[in-house]
């Protein structure tokens, strides 16, 4: 599919979104978008430009807070576990500690119930275990 004005990957908004997504997702960002793009190019373009170029780059609240809010929202949804895992990792990369992630999930018990919060907690644990095995340890500091 050739680039049209609406999905021009050379546009300033797309480049800003890719810069932001790389900051949050690290080395996996390009493959993440490439994978989505292989099935739905327009969906990939919107995924880069709307949340990452427009929302995550606003300066009202910091990126760590934005990612922790995203972790809370995905926890409450209860069905977005792959996206939750991605955003827990992003929260860690943006300065959140593992304790903060676990605390956010724990607080969500009051809003989504034990089943959804338990699945979110197990998703966080699986990511923490993966990071520990790969010797990549973002978010290990104990912030209070």
C-alpha atoms as a PDB file:
ATOM      1  CA  UNK A   1       0.000   0.000   0.000  1.00  0.00           C
ATOM      2  CA  UNK A   2       1.665   3.254  -1.072  1.00  0.00           C
ATOM      3  CA  UNK A   3       1.839   6.096   1.394  1.00  0.00           C
ATOM      4  CA  UNK A   4      -1.024   8.544   1.124  1.00  0.00           C
ATOM      5  CA  UNK A   5      -1.151  11.863   2.974  1.00  0.00           C
ATOM      6  CA  UNK A   6      -3.101  10.155   5.755  1.00  0.00           C
ATOM      7  CA  UNK A   7      -0.507   7.430   6.306  1.00  0.00           C
ATOM      8  CA  UNK A   8       2.725   9.082   5.211  1.00  0.00           C
ATOM      9  CA  UNK A   9       5.475   7.462   7.263  1.00  0.00           C
ATOM     10  CA  UNK A  10       7.773  10.363   6.407  1.00  0.00           C
ATOM     11  CA  UNK A  11       5.381  12.878   7.941  1.00  0.00           C
ATOM     12  CA  UNK A  12       6.391  14.824  11.026  1.00  0.00           C
ATOM     13  CA  UNK A  13       3.590  13.316  13.120  1.00  0.00           C
ATOM     14  CA  UNK A  14       4.514   9.737  12.208  1.00  0.00           C
ATOM     15  CA  UNK A  15       8.206  10.345  12.890  1.00  0.00           C
ATOM     16  CA  UNK A  16       7.363  11.974  16.245  1.00  0.00           C
ATOM     17  CA  UNK A  17       5.198   8.977  17.116  1.00  0.00           C
ATOM     18  CA  UNK A  18       7.927   6.504  16.180  1.00  0.00           C
ATOM     19  CA  UNK A  19      10.455   8.429  18.252  1.00  0.00           C
ATOM     20  CA  UNK A  20       8.111   8.255  21.242  1.00  0.00           C
ATOM     21  CA  UNK A  21       7.228   4.590  20.806  1.00  0.00           C
ATOM     22  CA  UNK A  22      10.931   3.718  20.557  1.00  0.00           C
ATOM     23  CA  UNK A  23      11.550   5.632  23.793  1.00  0.00           C
ATOM     24  CA  UNK A  24       8.845   3.643  25.572  1.00  0.00           C
ATOM     25  CA  UNK A  25       9.151   0.194  24.012  1.00  0.00           C
ATOM     26  CA  UNK A  26      12.864   0.185  23.300  1.00  0.00           C
ATOM     27  CA  UNK A  27      14.298  -2.261  20.770  1.00  0.00           C
ATOM     28  CA  UNK A  28      10.966  -4.019  20.223  1.00  0.00           C
ATOM     29  CA  UNK A  29       9.165  -0.891  18.946  1.00  0.00           C
ATOM     30  CA  UNK A  30       9.965  -1.241  15.259  1.00  0.00           C
ATOM     31  CA  UNK A  31       9.069  -4.933  15.135  1.00  0.00           C
ATOM     32  CA  UNK A  32       5.868  -4.266  17.073  1.00  0.00           C
ATOM     33  CA  UNK A  33       4.702  -1.718  14.495  1.00  0.00           C
ATOM     34  CA  UNK A  34       6.021  -3.761  11.569  1.00  0.00           C
ATOM     35  CA  UNK A  35       3.989  -6.761  12.765  1.00  0.00           C
ATOM     36  CA  UNK A  36       0.782  -4.711  12.973  1.00  0.00           C
ATOM     37  CA  UNK A  37       1.544  -3.023   9.649  1.00  0.00           C
ATOM     38  CA  UNK A  38       1.910  -6.381   7.867  1.00  0.00           C
ATOM     39  CA  UNK A  39      -1.779  -7.040   8.493  1.00  0.00           C
ATOM     40  CA  UNK A  40      -3.292  -3.555   8.771  1.00  0.00           C
ATOM     41  CA  UNK A  41      -1.109  -0.641   7.578  1.00  0.00           C
ATOM     42  CA  UNK A  42      -3.692   2.026   8.407  1.00  0.00           C
ATOM     43  CA  UNK A  43      -4.166   0.599  11.919  1.00  0.00           C
ATOM     44  CA  UNK A  44      -0.386   0.693  12.457  1.00  0.00           C
ATOM     45  CA  UNK A  45      -0.225   4.304  11.266  1.00  0.00           C
ATOM     46  CA  UNK A  46      -3.016   5.369  13.631  1.00  0.00           C
ATOM     47  CA  UNK A  47      -1.381   3.409  16.476  1.00  0.00           C
ATOM     48  CA  UNK A  48       1.830   5.387  15.982  1.00  0.00           C
ATOM     49  CA  UNK A  49       0.315   8.816  15.379  1.00  0.00           C
ATOM     50  CA  UNK A  50      -2.588   9.031  17.799  1.00  0.00           C
ATOM     51  CA  UNK A  51      -1.459   7.663  21.153  1.00  0.00           C
ATOM     52  CA  UNK A  52       2.283   8.045  20.706  1.00  0.00           C
ATOM     53  CA  UNK A  53       2.614  11.271  18.691  1.00  0.00           C
ATOM     54  CA  UNK A  54      -0.401  13.088  20.109  1.00  0.00           C
ATOM     55  CA  UNK A  55      -1.170  11.798  23.622  1.00  0.00           C
ATOM     56  CA  UNK A  56       2.106  10.547  25.065  1.00  0.00           C
ATOM     57  CA  UNK A  57       3.993  13.679  23.954  1.00  0.00           C
ATOM     58  CA  UNK A  58       1.742  16.121  25.824  1.00  0.00           C
ATOM     59  CA  UNK A  59       3.532  17.822  28.715  1.00  0.00           C
ATOM     60  CA  UNK A  60       0.783  18.082  31.339  1.00  0.00           C
ATOM     61  CA  UNK A  61       1.835  14.887  33.133  1.00  0.00           C
ATOM     62  CA  UNK A  62       5.073  12.956  32.904  1.00  0.00           C
ATOM     63  CA  UNK A  63       5.527   9.797  30.867  1.00  0.00           C
ATOM     64  CA  UNK A  64       5.851   7.514  33.895  1.00  0.00           C
ATOM     65  CA  UNK A  65       2.454   8.713  35.170  1.00  0.00           C
ATOM     66  CA  UNK A  66       0.918   8.223  31.722  1.00  0.00           C
ATOM     67  CA  UNK A  67       2.193   4.651  31.568  1.00  0.00           C
ATOM     68  CA  UNK A  68       0.997   3.857  35.092  1.00  0.00           C
ATOM     69  CA  UNK A  69      -2.449   5.194  34.111  1.00  0.00           C
ATOM     70  CA  UNK A  70      -2.343   2.938  31.060  1.00  0.00           C
ATOM     71  CA  UNK A  71      -1.430  -0.043  33.260  1.00  0.00           C
ATOM     72  CA  UNK A  72      -4.426   0.768  35.487  1.00  0.00           C
ATOM     73  CA  UNK A  73      -6.812   1.083  32.525  1.00  0.00           C
ATOM     74  CA  UNK A  74      -5.653  -2.153  30.916  1.00  0.00           C
ATOM     75  CA  UNK A  75      -5.865  -3.946  34.262  1.00  0.00           C
ATOM     76  CA  UNK A  76      -9.475  -2.852  34.677  1.00  0.00           C
ATOM     77  CA  UNK A  77     -10.338  -3.960  31.139  1.00  0.00           C
ATOM     78  CA  UNK A  78      -9.224  -7.437  32.107  1.00  0.00           C
ATOM     79  CA  UNK A  79      -8.902  -8.746  28.562  1.00  0.00           C
ATOM     80  CA  UNK A  80      -5.972  -6.804  27.106  1.00  0.00           C
ATOM     81  CA  UNK A  81      -3.153  -8.852  28.614  1.00  0.00           C
ATOM     82  CA  UNK A  82      -0.691  -8.593  25.683  1.00  0.00           C
ATOM     83  CA  UNK A  83      -1.106  -4.806  25.676  1.00  0.00           C
ATOM     84  CA  UNK A  84      -0.858  -4.762  29.464  1.00  0.00           C
ATOM     85  CA  UNK A  85       2.457  -6.599  29.312  1.00  0.00           C
ATOM     86  CA  UNK A  86       3.727  -4.142  26.693  1.00  0.00           C
ATOM     87  CA  UNK A  87       2.725  -1.142  28.826  1.00  0.00           C
ATOM     88  CA  UNK A  88       4.081  -2.591  32.074  1.00  0.00           C
ATOM     89  CA  UNK A  89       7.409  -2.859  30.264  1.00  0.00           C
ATOM     90  CA  UNK A  90       7.011   0.706  28.991  1.00  0.00           C
ATOM     91  CA  UNK A  91       6.220   1.930  32.524  1.00  0.00           C
ATOM     92  CA  UNK A  92       9.413   0.302  33.781  1.00  0.00           C
ATOM     93  CA  UNK A  93      11.394   1.880  30.933  1.00  0.00           C
ATOM     94  CA  UNK A  94       9.867   5.274  31.877  1.00  0.00           C
ATOM     95  CA  UNK A  95      11.055   5.066  35.485  1.00  0.00           C
ATOM     96  CA  UNK A  96       8.350   3.155  37.346  1.00  0.00           C
ATOM     97  CA  UNK A  97       9.487   0.544  39.809  1.00  0.00           C
ATOM     98  CA  UNK A  98       8.135  -2.977  39.914  1.00  0.00           C
ATOM     99  CA  UNK A  99       6.631  -2.162  43.311  1.00  0.00           C
ATOM    100  CA  UNK A 100       4.754   0.779  41.796  1.00  0.00           C
ATOM    101  CA  UNK A 101       3.372  -1.398  38.986  1.00  0.00           C
ATOM    102  CA  UNK A 102       2.248  -4.050  41.471  1.00  0.00           C
ATOM    103  CA  UNK A 103       0.672  -1.374  43.693  1.00  0.00           C
ATOM    104  CA  UNK A 104      -1.280   0.093  40.764  1.00  0.00           C
ATOM    105  CA  UNK A 105      -2.579  -3.373  39.864  1.00  0.00           C
ATOM    106  CA  UNK A 106      -3.420  -4.067  43.512  1.00  0.00           C
ATOM    107  CA  UNK A 107      -5.400  -0.823  43.782  1.00  0.00           C
ATOM    108  CA  UNK A 108      -7.421  -1.824  40.721  1.00  0.00           C
ATOM    109  CA  UNK A 109      -8.945  -4.762  42.663  1.00  0.00           C
ATOM    110  CA  UNK A 110     -11.525  -2.252  43.919  1.00  0.00           C
ATOM    111  CA  UNK A 111     -12.498  -1.323  40.349  1.00  0.00           C
ATOM    112  CA  UNK A 112     -12.255  -4.567  38.388  1.00  0.00           C
ATOM    113  CA  UNK A 113     -12.382  -7.372  40.936  1.00  0.00           C
ATOM    114  CA  UNK A 114      -9.989 -10.136  41.817  1.00  0.00           C
ATOM    115  CA  UNK A 115     -10.086 -12.131  38.546  1.00  0.00           C
ATOM    116  CA  UNK A 116      -8.958  -9.235  36.318  1.00  0.00           C
ATOM    117  CA  UNK A 117      -6.441  -7.957  38.874  1.00  0.00           C
ATOM    118  CA  UNK A 118      -5.040 -11.466  39.370  1.00  0.00           C
ATOM    119  CA  UNK A 119      -4.553 -11.896  35.621  1.00  0.00           C
ATOM    120  CA  UNK A 120      -2.844  -8.502  35.490  1.00  0.00           C
ATOM    121  CA  UNK A 121      -0.586  -9.445  38.401  1.00  0.00           C
ATOM    122  CA  UNK A 122       0.355 -12.736  36.742  1.00  0.00           C
ATOM    123  CA  UNK A 123       1.064 -10.850  33.516  1.00  0.00           C
ATOM    124  CA  UNK A 124       3.385  -8.516  35.436  1.00  0.00           C
ATOM    125  CA  UNK A 125       5.116 -11.471  37.086  1.00  0.00           C
ATOM    126  CA  UNK A 126       5.671 -13.164  33.724  1.00  0.00           C
ATOM    127  CA  UNK A 127       7.268  -9.974  32.378  1.00  0.00           C
ATOM    128  CA  UNK A 128       9.415  -9.534  35.499  1.00  0.00           C
ATOM    129  CA  UNK A 129      10.588 -13.146  35.161  1.00  0.00           C
ATOM    130  CA  UNK A 130      11.427 -12.601  31.471  1.00  0.00           C
ATOM    131  CA  UNK A 131      13.378  -9.452  32.301  1.00  0.00           C
ATOM    132  CA  UNK A 132      15.251 -11.228  35.097  1.00  0.00           C
ATOM    133  CA  UNK A 133      16.144 -14.125  32.796  1.00  0.00           C
ATOM    134  CA  UNK A 134      17.366 -11.757  30.084  1.00  0.00           C
ATOM    135  CA  UNK A 135      19.367  -9.742  32.646  1.00  0.00           C
ATOM    136  CA  UNK A 136      17.393  -6.663  31.564  1.00  0.00           C
ATOM    137  CA  UNK A 137      16.114  -5.138  34.786  1.00  0.00           C
ATOM    138  CA  UNK A 138      14.235  -1.880  34.272  1.00  0.00           C
ATOM    139  CA  UNK A 139      12.104  -0.829  37.201  1.00  0.00           C
ATOM    140  CA  UNK A 140      13.956  -2.766  39.879  1.00  0.00           C
ATOM    141  CA  UNK A 141      14.412   0.214  42.165  1.00  0.00           C
ATOM    142  CA  UNK A 142      12.183   0.373  45.219  1.00  0.00           C
ATOM    143  CA  UNK A 143      10.428   3.752  44.894  1.00  0.00           C
ATOM    144  CA  UNK A 144       8.069   4.922  47.624  1.00  0.00           C
END
